[in-house]
Amino acid sequence: MGVKRFNKIVCVDHTKLEEWAIKELQEYSEAEVEVYRESPDSENELIDRIGDAEAIIVSWRTQIPKNVIEKCSHLKYIGMACSLYDDESANVAVDFAREKGITVKGIFDYGDPGVIEFIISELIRLLHGFGEYQWQKMPVELTSKKIGIIGLGTTGQLLARALLPLGADVYYFSRTRKKDWEAKGLQYLSLNNLLKTSEIISLHLPKNTKLLEVEEFETFGLGKILINTSLGLPFEEKAFVNWINAEGNFGIFDGDGSASLSDATKEKNRVISYKKSAGWSAETEQRLSKKVLENLKSYFN
């Protein structure tokens, strides 16, 4: 028996799949794999790109709403070259696609190590004054610093794993308790208590999650550090601006964490932000390509 194939596979935008992965995709497509390097300008252009294809690969940049799924009636498989946490935060109408009998697969744990390196390196720069700012009058170490992790998914867990050997006191708040991590030295606190206790917080939440508003920032208080590498803003920007305007507070953002911030906020004193995503590296691209391929292959198993 030969390899089972789709009639055609289309990479509808810049999925960042490596060339070797696209070559391997060809083994699962009767027609030549179509690869687009730019996002479509309109829904109609997206529908034209998909055409009669049975399988598509899409990055987080392109929305695949109900309307597109309905019009592309040959679709059997949607491979997301990005994370899939839930329908609410996804760029694909996941539940609707599945109702139509279409398999939707996302990928996980492909860019996290770079995010952890970013957080640790930026914290050390700020604590020791190696960059533009220094947190306190004297340089300080991570030793015994009270650090709160909000969201203990893969990235939050990797951050905890990196911080514990450095002697930090690590707390976490999550929708579910993680007893195995508590056994490793993490302490669970309610959100309110975590904000009161922590000197530094790091946010690791799904897109479209809003957790911190005026009251939470008031509870967090002064002389503190907030780190955001989540996709989008897990807080009210106006509340953050009021907080950052207070002397002694600092915000650290990579490109994903700062993408939804206004330019005026990014330019404020003590806001350290970058255009570059901390989660993107050569290794990330390799992991992404491998996981997207594994998902597609699993469709036929």
C-alpha atoms as a PDB file:
ATOM      1  CA  MET A   1       0.000   0.000   0.000  1.00  0.00           C
ATOM      2  CA  GLY A   2       1.213   3.490  -0.902  1.00  0.00           C
ATOM      3  CA  VAL A   3       1.189   6.568   1.305  1.00  0.00           C
ATOM      4  CA  LYS A   4      -2.305   8.003   1.889  1.00  0.00           C
ATOM      5  CA  ARG A   5      -2.580  11.512   0.502  1.00  0.00           C
ATOM      6  CA  PHE A   6      -4.762  14.614   0.379  1.00  0.00           C
ATOM      7  CA  ASN A   7      -5.714  15.841  -3.078  1.00  0.00           C
ATOM      8  CA  LYS A   8      -3.805  19.062  -2.336  1.00  0.00           C
ATOM      9  CA  ILE A   9      -2.101  20.802   0.604  1.00  0.00           C
ATOM     10  CA  VAL A  10      -1.900  24.613   0.719  1.00  0.00           C
ATOM     11  CA  CYS A  11       0.253  26.678   3.114  1.00  0.00           C
ATOM     12  CA  VAL A  12      -2.081  29.675   3.055  1.00  0.00           C
ATOM     13  CA  ASP A  13       0.357  32.228   4.518  1.00  0.00           C
ATOM     14  CA  HIS A  14       3.898  32.471   5.928  1.00  0.00           C
ATOM     15  CA  THR A  15       3.807  29.382   8.164  1.00  0.00           C
ATOM     16  CA  LYS A  16       7.613  29.442   8.702  1.00  0.00           C
ATOM     17  CA  LEU A  17       7.867  25.750   7.806  1.00  0.00           C
ATOM     18  CA  GLU A  18      11.436  24.902   6.848  1.00  0.00           C
ATOM     19  CA  GLU A  19      12.152  23.729   3.280  1.00  0.00           C
ATOM     20  CA  TRP A  20      12.777  20.115   4.333  1.00  0.00           C
ATOM     21  CA  ALA A  21       9.328  20.053   5.953  1.00  0.00           C
ATOM     22  CA  ILE A  22       7.618  21.398   2.829  1.00  0.00           C
ATOM     23  CA  LYS A  23       9.377  18.686   0.792  1.00  0.00           C
ATOM     24  CA  GLU A  24       8.089  16.091   3.229  1.00  0.00           C
ATOM     25  CA  LEU A  25       4.558  17.560   3.008  1.00  0.00           C
ATOM     26  CA  GLN A  26       4.684  16.794  -0.706  1.00  0.00           C
ATOM     27  CA  GLU A  27       4.614  13.067   0.110  1.00  0.00           C
ATOM     28  CA  TYR A  28       1.080  13.598   1.488  1.00  0.00           C
ATOM     29  CA  SER A  29      -0.277  15.708  -1.397  1.00  0.00           C
ATOM     30  CA  GLU A  30      -1.361  14.451  -4.848  1.00  0.00           C
ATOM     31  CA  ALA A  31      -0.976  17.928  -6.379  1.00  0.00           C
ATOM     32  CA  GLU A  32       2.075  20.122  -5.856  1.00  0.00           C
ATOM     33  CA  VAL A  33       2.015  21.753  -2.415  1.00  0.00           C
ATOM     34  CA  GLU A  34       1.140  25.444  -2.788  1.00  0.00           C
ATOM     35  CA  VAL A  35       3.173  27.714  -0.524  1.00  0.00           C
ATOM     36  CA  TYR A  36       2.318  31.375   0.111  1.00  0.00           C
ATOM     37  CA  ARG A  37       4.801  33.632   1.907  1.00  0.00           C
ATOM     38  CA  GLU A  38       2.464  36.558   2.635  1.00  0.00           C
ATOM     39  CA  SER A  39      -0.856  36.819   4.463  1.00  0.00           C
ATOM     40  CA  PRO A  40      -3.925  37.088   2.205  1.00  0.00           C
ATOM     41  CA  ASP A  41      -5.292  40.636   1.814  1.00  0.00           C
ATOM     42  CA  SER A  42      -8.922  39.577   2.122  1.00  0.00           C
ATOM     43  CA  GLU A  43     -11.230  36.688   2.961  1.00  0.00           C
ATOM     44  CA  ASN A  44     -11.939  36.225  -0.762  1.00  0.00           C
ATOM     45  CA  GLU A  45      -8.227  35.932  -1.505  1.00  0.00           C
ATOM     46  CA  LEU A  46      -7.918  33.337   1.270  1.00  0.00           C
ATOM     47  CA  ILE A  47     -10.832  31.339  -0.195  1.00  0.00           C
ATOM     48  CA  ASP A  48      -9.184  31.481  -3.639  1.00  0.00           C
ATOM     49  CA  ARG A  49      -5.902  30.228  -2.173  1.00  0.00           C
ATOM     50  CA  ILE A  50      -7.605  27.265  -0.510  1.00  0.00           C
ATOM     51  CA  GLY A  51      -9.708  26.415  -3.570  1.00  0.00           C
ATOM     52  CA  ASP A  52     -10.576  22.706  -3.595  1.00  0.00           C
ATOM     53  CA  ALA A  53      -7.697  21.717  -1.260  1.00  0.00           C
ATOM     54  CA  GLU A  54      -8.447  19.068   1.351  1.00  0.00           C
ATOM     55  CA  ALA A  55      -5.688  20.251   3.729  1.00  0.00           C
ATOM     56  CA  ILE A  56      -4.273  23.624   4.708  1.00  0.00           C
ATOM     57  CA  ILE A  57      -1.488  24.815   7.002  1.00  0.00           C
ATOM     58  CA  VAL A  58      -1.976  28.267   8.569  1.00  0.00           C
ATOM     59  CA  SER A  59       0.006  30.513  10.930  1.00  0.00           C
ATOM     60  CA  TRP A  60      -1.525  32.589  13.768  1.00  0.00           C
ATOM     61  CA  ARG A  61      -1.611  35.654  11.498  1.00  0.00           C
ATOM     62  CA  THR A  62      -4.534  34.510   9.325  1.00  0.00           C
ATOM     63  CA  GLN A  63      -8.094  34.089  10.568  1.00  0.00           C
ATOM     64  CA  ILE A  64     -10.015  31.011   9.356  1.00  0.00           C
ATOM     65  CA  PRO A  65     -13.598  31.926  10.347  1.00  0.00           C
ATOM     66  CA  LYS A  66     -16.852  29.978   9.853  1.00  0.00           C
ATOM     67  CA  ASN A  67     -17.526  31.759   6.571  1.00  0.00           C
ATOM     68  CA  VAL A  68     -14.272  30.528   5.005  1.00  0.00           C
ATOM     69  CA  ILE A  69     -14.787  26.978   6.284  1.00  0.00           C
ATOM     70  CA  GLU A  70     -18.320  26.885   4.838  1.00  0.00           C
ATOM     71  CA  LYS A  71     -17.138  28.067   1.408  1.00  0.00           C
ATOM     72  CA  CYS A  72     -14.170  25.669   1.272  1.00  0.00           C
ATOM     73  CA  SER A  73     -16.274  22.529   1.310  1.00  0.00           C
ATOM     74  CA  HIS A  74     -13.449  20.131   0.374  1.00  0.00           C
ATOM     75  CA  LEU A  75     -11.499  20.785   3.575  1.00  0.00           C
ATOM     76  CA  LYS A  76     -10.709  17.736   5.699  1.00  0.00           C
ATOM     77  CA  TYR A  77      -7.725  18.990   7.684  1.00  0.00           C
ATOM     78  CA  ILE A  78      -6.544  22.335   9.143  1.00  0.00           C
ATOM     79  CA  GLY A  79      -3.012  22.290  10.529  1.00  0.00           C
ATOM     80  CA  MET A  80      -2.183  25.273  12.731  1.00  0.00           C
ATOM     81  CA  ALA A  81       1.492  26.268  12.673  1.00  0.00           C
ATOM     82  CA  CYS A  82       0.826  27.919  16.035  1.00  0.00           C
ATOM     83  CA  SER A  83      -0.532  27.093  19.482  1.00  0.00           C
ATOM     84  CA  LEU A  84      -4.096  25.885  20.021  1.00  0.00           C
ATOM     85  CA  TYR A  85      -5.236  26.401  23.627  1.00  0.00           C
ATOM     86  CA  ASP A  86      -8.986  26.816  23.152  1.00  0.00           C
ATOM     87  CA  ASP A  87     -11.557  27.979  20.599  1.00  0.00           C
ATOM     88  CA  GLU A  88     -11.820  31.464  22.139  1.00  0.00           C
ATOM     89  CA  SER A  89      -8.157  32.337  21.652  1.00  0.00           C
ATOM     90  CA  ALA A  90      -7.671  30.454  18.343  1.00  0.00           C
ATOM     91  CA  ASN A  91      -7.515  32.123  14.921  1.00  0.00           C
ATOM     92  CA  VAL A  92      -9.488  29.150  13.517  1.00  0.00           C
ATOM     93  CA  ALA A  93     -13.194  28.544  14.221  1.00  0.00           C
ATOM     94  CA  VAL A  94     -12.179  25.228  15.780  1.00  0.00           C
ATOM     95  CA  ASP A  95     -15.514  23.990  17.147  1.00  0.00           C
ATOM     96  CA  PHE A  96     -17.343  24.868  13.918  1.00  0.00           C
ATOM     97  CA  ALA A  97     -14.691  23.091  11.806  1.00  0.00           C
ATOM     98  CA  ARG A  98     -14.957  19.962  13.931  1.00  0.00           C
ATOM     99  CA  GLU A  99     -18.769  20.036  13.654  1.00  0.00           C
ATOM    100  CA  LYS A 100     -18.195  19.898   9.876  1.00  0.00           C
ATOM    101  CA  GLY A 101     -16.001  16.812  10.311  1.00  0.00           C
ATOM    102  CA  ILE A 102     -12.750  18.715   9.717  1.00  0.00           C
ATOM    103  CA  THR A 103      -9.742  17.732  11.843  1.00  0.00           C
ATOM    104  CA  VAL A 104      -7.995  20.739  13.431  1.00  0.00           C
ATOM    105  CA  LYS A 105      -4.578  20.330  15.039  1.00  0.00           C
ATOM    106  CA  GLY A 106      -2.410  22.924  16.768  1.00  0.00           C
ATOM    107  CA  ILE A 107       1.110  22.667  18.154  1.00  0.00           C
ATOM    108  CA  PHE A 108       2.509  23.211  21.641  1.00  0.00           C
ATOM    109  CA  ASP A 109       5.815  23.728  23.431  1.00  0.00           C
ATOM    110  CA  TYR A 110       7.856  24.911  20.468  1.00  0.00           C
ATOM    111  CA  GLY A 111       9.028  28.422  21.439  1.00  0.00           C
ATOM    112  CA  ASP A 112       9.150  28.247  25.238  1.00  0.00           C
ATOM    113  CA  PRO A 113      12.901  27.809  25.909  1.00  0.00           C
ATOM    114  CA  GLY A 114      13.720  31.137  24.211  1.00  0.00           C
ATOM    115  CA  VAL A 115      11.064  32.897  26.297  1.00  0.00           C
ATOM    116  CA  ILE A 116      12.672  31.622  29.514  1.00  0.00           C
ATOM    117  CA  GLU A 117      16.129  32.774  28.378  1.00  0.00           C
ATOM    118  CA  PHE A 118      14.652  36.230  27.655  1.00  0.00           C
ATOM    119  CA  ILE A 119      12.967  36.526  31.068  1.00  0.00           C
ATOM    120  CA  ILE A 120      16.024  35.412  33.051  1.00  0.00           C
ATOM    121  CA  SER A 121      18.465  37.567  31.037  1.00  0.00           C
ATOM    122  CA  GLU A 122      16.284  40.705  31.206  1.00  0.00           C
ATOM    123  CA  LEU A 123      15.674  40.250  34.930  1.00  0.00           C
ATOM    124  CA  ILE A 124      19.407  39.925  35.610  1.00  0.00           C
ATOM    125  CA  ARG A 125      20.126  43.032  33.500  1.00  0.00           C
ATOM    126  CA  LEU A 126      17.528  45.044  35.443  1.00  0.00           C
ATOM    127  CA  LEU A 127      18.467  43.715  38.890  1.00  0.00           C
ATOM    128  CA  HIS A 128      22.183  44.362  38.350  1.00  0.00           C
ATOM    129  CA  GLY A 129      21.888  47.535  36.259  1.00  0.00           C
ATOM    130  CA  PHE A 130      23.610  46.092  33.185  1.00  0.00           C
ATOM    131  CA  GLY A 131      21.202  47.939  30.876  1.00  0.00           C
ATOM    132  CA  GLU A 132      19.567  51.366  30.863  1.00  0.00           C
ATOM    133  CA  TYR A 133      17.869  50.836  34.245  1.00  0.00           C
ATOM    134  CA  GLN A 134      18.675  49.423  37.664  1.00  0.00           C
ATOM    135  CA  TRP A 135      15.765  48.229  39.837  1.00  0.00           C
ATOM    136  CA  GLN A 136      17.123  49.315  43.232  1.00  0.00           C
ATOM    137  CA  LYS A 137      19.940  51.599  44.427  1.00  0.00           C
ATOM    138  CA  MET A 138      22.280  48.652  44.885  1.00  0.00           C
ATOM    139  CA  PRO A 139      22.569  45.771  42.400  1.00  0.00           C
ATOM    140  CA  VAL A 140      20.698  42.725  43.734  1.00  0.00           C
ATOM    141  CA  GLU A 141      20.629  39.017  42.897  1.00  0.00           C
ATOM    142  CA  LEU A 142      17.695  36.740  42.129  1.00  0.00           C
ATOM    143  CA  THR A 143      18.499  34.969  45.416  1.00  0.00           C
ATOM    144  CA  SER A 144      15.476  35.147  47.758  1.00  0.00           C
ATOM    145  CA  LYS A 145      13.511  37.397  45.405  1.00  0.00           C
ATOM    146  CA  LYS A 146       9.773  36.735  45.671  1.00  0.00           C
ATOM    147  CA  ILE A 147       8.634  35.899  42.129  1.00  0.00           C
ATOM    148  CA  GLY A 148       5.024  35.162  41.181  1.00  0.00           C
ATOM    149  CA  ILE A 149       4.154  33.192  38.054  1.00  0.00           C
ATOM    150  CA  ILE A 150       0.621  33.781  36.768  1.00  0.00           C
ATOM    151  CA  GLY A 151      -0.363  30.839  34.544  1.00  0.00           C
ATOM    152  CA  LEU A 152       1.481  27.567  35.153  1.00  0.00           C
ATOM    153  CA  GLY A 153       1.310  26.004  31.704  1.00  0.00           C
ATOM    154  CA  THR A 154       4.430  24.842  29.860  1.00  0.00           C
ATOM    155  CA  THR A 155       6.140  28.262  29.855  1.00  0.00           C
ATOM    156  CA  GLY A 156       5.300  28.959  33.479  1.00  0.00           C
ATOM    157  CA  GLN A 157       6.641  25.551  34.494  1.00  0.00           C
ATOM    158  CA  LEU A 158       9.881  26.051  32.549  1.00  0.00           C
ATOM    159  CA  LEU A 159      10.326  29.439  34.229  1.00  0.00           C
ATOM    160  CA  ALA A 160       9.819  27.862  37.667  1.00  0.00           C
ATOM    161  CA  ARG A 161      12.367  25.173  36.791  1.00  0.00           C
ATOM    162  CA  ALA A 162      14.904  27.884  35.867  1.00  0.00           C
ATOM    163  CA  LEU A 163      14.261  30.086  38.925  1.00  0.00           C
ATOM    164  CA  LEU A 164      14.279  27.495  41.723  1.00  0.00           C
ATOM    165  CA  PRO A 165      18.012  26.577  41.438  1.00  0.00           C
ATOM    166  CA  LEU A 166      18.861  30.308  41.515  1.00  0.00           C
ATOM    167  CA  GLY A 167      17.417  30.536  45.021  1.00  0.00           C
ATOM    168  CA  ALA A 168      14.309  32.580  44.230  1.00  0.00           C
ATOM    169  CA  ASP A 169      11.115  32.114  46.269  1.00  0.00           C
ATOM    170  CA  VAL A 170       8.603  31.109  43.591  1.00  0.00           C
ATOM    171  CA  TYR A 171       4.823  31.424  43.913  1.00  0.00           C
ATOM    172  CA  TYR A 172       2.143  30.661  41.346  1.00  0.00           C
ATOM    173  CA  PHE A 173      -1.487  31.320  40.533  1.00  0.00           C
ATOM    174  CA  SER A 174      -3.283  29.070  38.040  1.00  0.00           C
ATOM    175  CA  ARG A 175      -6.815  27.946  37.236  1.00  0.00           C
ATOM    176  CA  THR A 176      -5.875  24.517  38.575  1.00  0.00           C
ATOM    177  CA  ARG A 177      -3.561  23.522  41.418  1.00  0.00           C
ATOM    178  CA  LYS A 178      -0.345  21.756  40.387  1.00  0.00           C
ATOM    179  CA  LYS A 179       0.510  19.559  43.384  1.00  0.00           C
ATOM    180  CA  ASP A 180       3.559  18.061  41.646  1.00  0.00           C
ATOM    181  CA  TRP A 181       5.056  21.544  41.329  1.00  0.00           C
ATOM    182  CA  GLU A 182       4.198  22.377  44.930  1.00  0.00           C
ATOM    183  CA  ALA A 183       6.238  19.296  45.893  1.00  0.00           C
ATOM    184  CA  LYS A 184       9.167  20.798  43.947  1.00  0.00           C
ATOM    185  CA  GLY A 185       9.070  24.010  45.971  1.00  0.00           C
ATOM    186  CA  LEU A 186       6.422  26.243  44.380  1.00  0.00           C
ATOM    187  CA  GLN A 187       3.798  27.785  46.641  1.00  0.00           C
ATOM    188  CA  TYR A 188       0.223  28.248  45.409  1.00  0.00           C
ATOM    189  CA  LEU A 189      -1.409  31.588  46.278  1.00  0.00           C
ATOM    190  CA  SER A 190      -4.698  33.195  45.314  1.00  0.00           C
ATOM    191  CA  LEU A 191      -4.213  35.982  42.753  1.00  0.00           C
ATOM    192  CA  ASN A 192      -4.705  38.651  45.416  1.00  0.00           C
ATOM    193  CA  ASN A 193      -2.172  37.098  47.793  1.00  0.00           C
ATOM    194  CA  LEU A 194       0.314  36.468  45.003  1.00  0.00           C
ATOM    195  CA  LEU A 195       0.198  40.145  44.004  1.00  0.00           C
ATOM    196  CA  LYS A 196       0.630  41.241  47.655  1.00  0.00           C
ATOM    197  CA  THR A 197       3.535  38.836  48.242  1.00  0.00           C
ATOM    198  CA  SER A 198       5.534  39.070  44.981  1.00  0.00           C
ATOM    199  CA  GLU A 199       8.185  41.623  44.104  1.00  0.00           C
ATOM    200  CA  ILE A 200       8.221  40.400  40.496  1.00  0.00           C
ATOM    201  CA  ILE A 201       5.390  38.834  38.475  1.00  0.00           C
ATOM    202  CA  SER A 202       5.581  37.049  35.126  1.00  0.00           C
ATOM    203  CA  LEU A 203       2.401  36.609  33.057  1.00  0.00           C
ATOM    204  CA  HIS A 204       1.871  33.433  30.999  1.00  0.00           C
ATOM    205  CA  LEU A 205      -1.754  33.470  29.901  1.00  0.00           C
ATOM    206  CA  PRO A 206      -3.731  32.591  26.759  1.00  0.00           C
ATOM    207  CA  LYS A 207      -4.660  35.318  24.289  1.00  0.00           C
ATOM    208  CA  ASN A 208      -7.808  37.325  25.138  1.00  0.00           C
ATOM    209  CA  THR A 209      -7.390  36.760  28.903  1.00  0.00           C
ATOM    210  CA  LYS A 210      -7.765  39.926  31.022  1.00  0.00           C
ATOM    211  CA  LEU A 211      -6.739  39.331  34.623  1.00  0.00           C
ATOM    212  CA  LEU A 212      -5.279  42.571  36.002  1.00  0.00           C
ATOM    213  CA  GLU A 213      -7.263  45.796  36.338  1.00  0.00           C
ATOM    214  CA  VAL A 214      -6.940  48.901  38.545  1.00  0.00           C
ATOM    215  CA  GLU A 215      -7.614  47.044  41.809  1.00  0.00           C
ATOM    216  CA  GLU A 216      -5.052  44.313  41.036  1.00  0.00           C
ATOM    217  CA  PHE A 217      -2.338  46.856  40.191  1.00  0.00           C
ATOM    218  CA  GLU A 218      -3.080  48.697  43.450  1.00  0.00           C
ATOM    219  CA  THR A 219      -2.691  45.400  45.314  1.00  0.00           C
ATOM    220  CA  PHE A 220       0.611  44.691  43.507  1.00  0.00           C
ATOM    221  CA  GLY A 221       1.884  48.073  44.724  1.00  0.00           C
ATOM    222  CA  LEU A 222       5.118  50.005  44.284  1.00  0.00           C
ATOM    223  CA  GLY A 223       8.749  49.162  43.574  1.00  0.00           C
ATOM    224  CA  LYS A 224       7.728  46.077  41.597  1.00  0.00           C
ATOM    225  CA  ILE A 225       8.502  44.434  38.225  1.00  0.00           C
ATOM    226  CA  LEU A 226       5.921  43.074  35.759  1.00  0.00           C
ATOM    227  CA  ILE A 227       6.977  40.795  32.887  1.00  0.00           C
ATOM    228  CA  ASN A 228       4.650  39.964  29.987  1.00  0.00           C
ATOM    229  CA  THR A 229       5.520  37.518  27.209  1.00  0.00           C
ATOM    230  CA  SER A 230       1.897  36.426  26.633  1.00  0.00           C
ATOM    231  CA  LEU A 231       0.244  36.956  23.242  1.00  0.00           C
ATOM    232  CA  GLY A 232      -1.780  40.100  23.849  1.00  0.00           C
ATOM    233  CA  LEU A 233      -2.314  42.031  27.071  1.00  0.00           C
ATOM    234  CA  PRO A 234      -3.569  40.094  30.119  1.00  0.00           C
ATOM    235  CA  PHE A 235      -4.271  43.474  31.778  1.00  0.00           C
ATOM    236  CA  GLU A 236      -6.056  46.778  31.188  1.00  0.00           C
ATOM    237  CA  GLU A 237      -3.532  49.091  29.513  1.00  0.00           C
ATOM    238  CA  LYS A 238      -4.851  52.216  31.269  1.00  0.00           C
ATOM    239  CA  ALA A 239      -4.448  50.529  34.671  1.00  0.00           C
ATOM    240  CA  PHE A 240      -0.899  49.468  33.726  1.00  0.00           C
ATOM    241  CA  VAL A 241      -0.035  53.044  32.668  1.00  0.00           C
ATOM    242  CA  ASN A 242      -1.204  54.425  36.040  1.00  0.00           C
ATOM    243  CA  TRP A 243       0.934  51.786  37.760  1.00  0.00           C
ATOM    244  CA  ILE A 244       4.070  52.311  35.632  1.00  0.00           C
ATOM    245  CA  ASN A 245       3.871  56.078  36.183  1.00  0.00           C
ATOM    246  CA  ALA A 246       4.527  55.445  39.887  1.00  0.00           C
ATOM    247  CA  GLU A 247       8.226  55.714  40.739  1.00  0.00           C
ATOM    248  CA  GLY A 248      10.103  52.422  41.065  1.00  0.00           C
ATOM    249  CA  ASN A 249       7.844  50.201  38.919  1.00  0.00           C
ATOM    250  CA  PHE A 250       9.194  48.447  35.814  1.00  0.00           C
ATOM    251  CA  GLY A 251       7.635  46.565  32.890  1.00  0.00           C
ATOM    252  CA  ILE A 252       9.490  44.064  30.679  1.00  0.00           C
ATOM    253  CA  PHE A 253       7.971  42.972  27.341  1.00  0.00           C
ATOM    254  CA  ASP A 254       9.161  40.945  24.368  1.00  0.00           C
ATOM    255  CA  GLY A 255       7.629  41.484  20.914  1.00  0.00           C
ATOM    256  CA  ASP A 256       4.623  39.232  21.604  1.00  0.00           C
ATOM    257  CA  GLY A 257       3.959  40.797  24.996  1.00  0.00           C
ATOM    258  CA  SER A 258       4.243  44.376  23.711  1.00  0.00           C
ATOM    259  CA  ALA A 259       2.455  43.951  20.362  1.00  0.00           C
ATOM    260  CA  SER A 260      -0.878  45.213  21.744  1.00  0.00           C
ATOM    261  CA  LEU A 261       0.653  48.084  23.751  1.00  0.00           C
ATOM    262  CA  SER A 262       0.242  51.600  22.359  1.00  0.00           C
ATOM    263  CA  ASP A 263       3.426  53.361  21.189  1.00  0.00           C
ATOM    264  CA  ALA A 264       2.929  55.981  23.912  1.00  0.00           C
ATOM    265  CA  THR A 265       3.027  53.269  26.598  1.00  0.00           C
ATOM    266  CA  LYS A 266       6.107  51.591  25.093  1.00  0.00           C
ATOM    267  CA  GLU A 267       7.963  54.921  25.242  1.00  0.00           C
ATOM    268  CA  LYS A 268       7.269  55.495  28.933  1.00  0.00           C
ATOM    269  CA  ASN A 269      10.081  55.535  31.462  1.00  0.00           C
ATOM    270  CA  ARG A 270      10.861  52.135  32.970  1.00  0.00           C
ATOM    271  CA  VAL A 271       9.061  50.239  30.203  1.00  0.00           C
ATOM    272  CA  ILE A 272      11.588  47.851  28.636  1.00  0.00           C
ATOM    273  CA  SER A 273      10.118  46.517  25.391  1.00  0.00           C
ATOM    274  CA  TYR A 274      11.385  44.824  22.246  1.00  0.00           C
ATOM    275  CA  LYS A 275       9.957  44.268  18.785  1.00  0.00           C
ATOM    276  CA  LYS A 276      11.459  40.794  18.580  1.00  0.00           C
ATOM    277  CA  SER A 277       9.539  37.771  19.882  1.00  0.00           C
ATOM    278  CA  ALA A 278      11.519  35.967  22.593  1.00  0.00           C
ATOM    279  CA  GLY A 279      10.044  32.654  21.492  1.00  0.00           C
ATOM    280  CA  TRP A 280      11.495  32.728  17.982  1.00  0.00           C
ATOM    281  CA  SER A 281      14.859  31.117  17.175  1.00  0.00           C
ATOM    282  CA  ALA A 282      16.414  28.601  14.793  1.00  0.00           C
ATOM    283  CA  GLU A 283      15.494  25.874  17.272  1.00  0.00           C
ATOM    284  CA  THR A 284      11.894  27.142  17.462  1.00  0.00           C
ATOM    285  CA  GLU A 285      11.563  26.945  13.674  1.00  0.00           C
ATOM    286  CA  GLN A 286      12.856  23.359  13.706  1.00  0.00           C
ATOM    287  CA  ARG A 287      10.439  22.337  16.470  1.00  0.00           C
ATOM    288  CA  LEU A 288       7.512  24.054  14.730  1.00  0.00           C
ATOM    289  CA  SER A 289       8.226  22.298  11.420  1.00  0.00           C
ATOM    290  CA  LYS A 290       8.580  18.901  13.092  1.00  0.00           C
ATOM    291  CA  LYS A 291       5.374  19.222  15.138  1.00  0.00           C
ATOM    292  CA  VAL A 292       3.252  20.488  12.208  1.00  0.00           C
ATOM    293  CA  LEU A 293       4.405  17.473  10.171  1.00  0.00           C
ATOM    294  CA  GLU A 294       3.758  15.004  13.004  1.00  0.00           C
ATOM    295  CA  ASN A 295       0.211  16.358  13.354  1.00  0.00           C
ATOM    296  CA  LEU A 296      -0.518  15.988   9.651  1.00  0.00           C
ATOM    297  CA  LYS A 297       0.893  12.457   9.531  1.00  0.00           C
ATOM    298  CA  SER A 298      -1.241  11.468  12.513  1.00  0.00           C
ATOM    299  CA  TYR A 299      -4.379  12.265  10.457  1.00  0.00           C
ATOM    300  CA  PHE A 300      -3.771   9.109   8.420  1.00  0.00           C
ATOM    301  CA  ASN A 301      -2.924   6.864  11.400  1.00  0.00           C
END
